[in-house]
C-alpha atoms as a PDB file:
ATOM      1  CA  MET A   1     -22.691 -19.483  10.200  1.00  0.00           C
ATOM      2  CA  LEU A   2     -23.176 -17.252   7.119  1.00  0.00           C
ATOM      3  CA  LEU A   3     -24.826 -14.633   9.299  1.00  0.00           C
ATOM      4  CA  SER A   4     -21.779 -14.649  11.612  1.00  0.00           C
ATOM      5  CA  VAL A   5     -19.391 -14.120   8.676  1.00  0.00           C
ATOM      6  CA  LEU A   6     -21.467 -11.235   7.321  1.00  0.00           C
ATOM      7  CA  ALA A   7     -21.657  -9.623  10.753  1.00  0.00           C
ATOM      8  CA  PHE A   8     -17.867  -9.902  11.109  1.00  0.00           C
ATOM      9  CA  ALA A   9     -17.291  -8.414   7.636  1.00  0.00           C
ATOM     10  CA  GLY A  10     -19.520  -5.467   8.490  1.00  0.00           C
ATOM     11  CA  THR A  11     -17.642  -4.893  11.736  1.00  0.00           C
ATOM     12  CA  ALA A  12     -14.266  -4.939   9.957  1.00  0.00           C
ATOM     13  CA  GLN A  13     -15.349  -2.222   7.551  1.00  0.00           C
ATOM     14  CA  ALA A  14     -16.624  -0.022  10.368  1.00  0.00           C
ATOM     15  CA  ALA A  15     -13.183   0.380  11.974  1.00  0.00           C
ATOM     16  CA  PRO A  16     -12.578   3.899  13.300  1.00  0.00           C
ATOM     17  CA  GLU A  17     -10.960   6.227  10.767  1.00  0.00           C
ATOM     18  CA  HIS A  18      -7.892   6.861  12.966  1.00  0.00           C
ATOM     19  CA  HIS A  19      -7.067   3.117  13.034  1.00  0.00           C
ATOM     20  CA  ARG A  20      -6.824   2.757   9.265  1.00  0.00           C
ATOM     21  CA  ALA A  21      -3.414   2.473   7.602  1.00  0.00           C
ATOM     22  CA  THR A  22      -1.309   5.565   6.988  1.00  0.00           C
ATOM     23  CA  VAL A  23       1.849   5.590   4.879  1.00  0.00           C
ATOM     24  CA  LEU A  24       2.678   8.923   3.280  1.00  0.00           C
ATOM     25  CA  VAL A  25       5.838   9.907   1.434  1.00  0.00           C
ATOM     26  CA  LEU A  26       6.419  13.615   2.019  1.00  0.00           C
ATOM     27  CA  SER A  27       8.926  15.611  -0.004  1.00  0.00           C
ATOM     28  CA  ALA A  28      10.035  19.220  -0.280  1.00  0.00           C
ATOM     29  CA  GLN A  29      12.079  20.685  -3.142  1.00  0.00           C
ATOM     30  CA  TYR A  30      13.608  24.047  -2.240  1.00  0.00           C
ATOM     31  CA  SER A  31      14.626  26.665  -4.823  1.00  0.00           C
ATOM     32  CA  ASP A  32      18.192  27.592  -5.690  1.00  0.00           C
ATOM     33  CA  VAL A  33      17.881  30.481  -3.197  1.00  0.00           C
ATOM     34  CA  GLU A  34      17.777  27.788  -0.507  1.00  0.00           C
ATOM     35  CA  ASP A  35      20.543  25.641  -2.054  1.00  0.00           C
ATOM     36  CA  ASN A  36      18.122  23.672  -4.258  1.00  0.00           C
ATOM     37  CA  ALA A  37      17.793  21.103  -1.477  1.00  0.00           C
ATOM     38  CA  PHE A  38      15.501  18.101  -1.717  1.00  0.00           C
ATOM     39  CA  LYS A  39      14.170  16.507   1.464  1.00  0.00           C
ATOM     40  CA  ALA A  40      11.878  13.532   1.942  1.00  0.00           C
ATOM     41  CA  THR A  41      10.528  11.374   4.743  1.00  0.00           C
ATOM     42  CA  VAL A  42       7.884   8.753   5.442  1.00  0.00           C
ATOM     43  CA  LEU A  43       4.976   9.463   7.773  1.00  0.00           C
ATOM     44  CA  THR A  44       3.080   6.478   9.224  1.00  0.00           C
ATOM     45  CA  CYS A  45       1.489   7.970  12.343  1.00  0.00           C
ATOM     46  CA  GLY A  46       2.662   4.916  14.238  1.00  0.00           C
ATOM     47  CA  ALA A  47       5.592   2.637  14.936  1.00  0.00           C
ATOM     48  CA  GLY A  48       8.454   3.036  12.496  1.00  0.00           C
ATOM     49  CA  ASP A  49       7.603   6.646  11.713  1.00  0.00           C
ATOM     50  CA  GLN A  50      10.602   8.351  10.069  1.00  0.00           C
ATOM     51  CA  HIS A  51       9.229  11.884  10.385  1.00  0.00           C
ATOM     52  CA  PRO A  52      11.086  13.761  13.174  1.00  0.00           C
ATOM     53  CA  ARG A  53       7.850  15.506  14.254  1.00  0.00           C
ATOM     54  CA  GLY A  54       5.511  12.679  13.329  1.00  0.00           C
ATOM     55  CA  ALA A  55       2.947  13.114  16.102  1.00  0.00           C
ATOM     56  CA  LEU A  56       2.501  16.811  15.307  1.00  0.00           C
ATOM     57  CA  ALA A  57       2.395  16.144  11.557  1.00  0.00           C
ATOM     58  CA  CYS A  58      -0.341  13.536  12.073  1.00  0.00           C
ATOM     59  CA  ALA A  59      -2.259  15.953  14.302  1.00  0.00           C
ATOM     60  CA  THR A  60      -2.012  18.592  11.549  1.00  0.00           C
ATOM     61  CA  LEU A  61      -3.503  16.188   9.008  1.00  0.00           C
ATOM     62  CA  ALA A  62      -6.179  15.036  11.445  1.00  0.00           C
ATOM     63  CA  SER A  63      -7.369  18.596  11.986  1.00  0.00           C
ATOM     64  CA  ALA A  64      -6.780  20.135   8.536  1.00  0.00           C
ATOM     65  CA  GLY A  65      -7.183  17.208   6.149  1.00  0.00           C
ATOM     66  CA  THR A  66      -4.892  16.252   3.287  1.00  0.00           C
ATOM     67  CA  GLU A  67      -5.747  18.977   0.784  1.00  0.00           C
ATOM     68  CA  LEU A  68      -2.644  21.192   0.863  1.00  0.00           C
ATOM     69  CA  GLU A  69      -4.291  24.203  -0.791  1.00  0.00           C
ATOM     70  CA  ALA A  70      -7.047  24.206   1.842  1.00  0.00           C
ATOM     71  CA  MET A  71      -4.670  24.430   4.820  1.00  0.00           C
ATOM     72  CA  THR A  72      -4.932  27.811   6.531  1.00  0.00           C
ATOM     73  CA  PRO A  73      -1.846  29.730   7.734  1.00  0.00           C
ATOM     74  CA  ASP A  74      -1.033  30.002  11.417  1.00  0.00           C
ATOM     75  CA  GLY A  75      -0.643  33.792  11.339  1.00  0.00           C
ATOM     76  CA  ARG A  76       3.148  34.061  11.485  1.00  0.00           C
ATOM     77  CA  ALA A  77       4.757  36.965   9.626  1.00  0.00           C
ATOM     78  CA  CYS A  78       6.801  35.950   6.583  1.00  0.00           C
ATOM     79  CA  THR A  79       8.962  37.984   4.217  1.00  0.00           C
ATOM     80  CA  PHE A  80       8.089  38.577   0.569  1.00  0.00           C
ATOM     81  CA  LEU A  81      11.286  36.839  -0.585  1.00  0.00           C
ATOM     82  CA  TYR A  82      10.414  34.636  -3.542  1.00  0.00           C
ATOM     83  CA  ALA A  83      12.200  31.336  -3.026  1.00  0.00           C
ATOM     84  CA  PRO A  84       9.609  28.724  -4.065  1.00  0.00           C
ATOM     85  CA  VAL A  85       9.246  25.436  -2.240  1.00  0.00           C
ATOM     86  CA  ARG A  86       7.433  22.578  -4.015  1.00  0.00           C
ATOM     87  CA  VAL A  87       5.970  20.029  -1.595  1.00  0.00           C
ATOM     88  CA  SER A  88       4.291  16.724  -2.305  1.00  0.00           C
ATOM     89  CA  MET A  89       2.415  14.140  -0.291  1.00  0.00           C
ATOM     90  CA  PHE A  90       1.781  10.706  -1.802  1.00  0.00           C
ATOM     91  CA  GLY A  91       0.434   7.496  -0.294  1.00  0.00           C
ATOM     92  CA  ILE A  92      -2.376   6.468   2.030  1.00  0.00           C
ATOM     93  CA  TRP A  93      -3.932   8.586   4.827  1.00  0.00           C
ATOM     94  CA  ARG A  94      -6.236   6.574   7.088  1.00  0.00           C
ATOM     95  CA  GLY A  95      -6.975   4.125   4.309  1.00  0.00           C
ATOM     96  CA  VAL A  96      -7.636   6.772   1.629  1.00  0.00           C
ATOM     97  CA  PRO A  97      -5.257   7.378  -1.325  1.00  0.00           C
ATOM     98  CA  VAL A  98      -3.548  10.788  -1.344  1.00  0.00           C
ATOM     99  CA  ASN A  99      -1.628  12.500  -4.137  1.00  0.00           C
ATOM    100  CA  GLU A 100      -1.120  16.215  -3.409  1.00  0.00           C
ATOM    101  CA  GLU A 101       1.405  18.772  -4.632  1.00  0.00           C
ATOM    102  CA  HIS A 102       1.639  22.470  -3.988  1.00  0.00           C
ATOM    103  CA  THR A 103       4.190  25.270  -4.420  1.00  0.00           C
ATOM    104  CA  TYR A 104       4.586  27.920  -1.727  1.00  0.00           C
ATOM    105  CA  PRO A 105       6.426  31.224  -2.334  1.00  0.00           C
ATOM    106  CA  ASN A 106       9.028  30.460   0.374  1.00  0.00           C
ATOM    107  CA  SER A 107       9.716  28.086   3.264  1.00  0.00           C
ATOM    108  CA  CYS A 108       8.217  30.425   5.874  1.00  0.00           C
ATOM    109  CA  VAL A 109       4.877  30.513   4.050  1.00  0.00           C
ATOM    110  CA  MET A 110       5.043  26.738   3.541  1.00  0.00           C
ATOM    111  CA  LEU A 111       5.561  26.136   7.274  1.00  0.00           C
ATOM    112  CA  ALA A 112       2.859  28.676   8.170  1.00  0.00           C
ATOM    113  CA  HIS A 113       0.347  26.686   6.112  1.00  0.00           C
ATOM    114  CA  THR A 114       1.470  23.125   6.805  1.00  0.00           C
ATOM    115  CA  GLY A 115       2.824  23.321  10.364  1.00  0.00           C
ATOM    116  CA  ALA A 116       4.879  20.279  11.324  1.00  0.00           C
ATOM    117  CA  LEU A 117       3.862  18.316   8.226  1.00  0.00           C
ATOM    118  CA  PHE A 118       6.814  19.465   6.085  1.00  0.00           C
ATOM    119  CA  ASP A 119       9.078  20.468   8.993  1.00  0.00           C
ATOM    120  CA  PHE A 120      11.692  17.749   8.567  1.00  0.00           C
END
């Protein structure tokens, strides 16, 4: 009996990474050049997802990871207008705690680096 319980416990911990819980609060604070807007949403990568482009946002995280500064741009051309956008991502990604913040020089650069993640 004890062997069965230990075998089950080991199996539970070996669940595939993409089946672990995800609940991320995403926010973007735009500068006064862009009306000083504040936007936020919840990304769950499943049922009840509030993110309007949730599937693409989850695919972005799956391929790029959760480190905002490490995300590479998609190659789009952006202006040099300085209108900073501060983004944050807080919560759980596939069972792992996440607490990331980063400031981009404008919304075009932010979207070039983060794709659908902060496109809400």
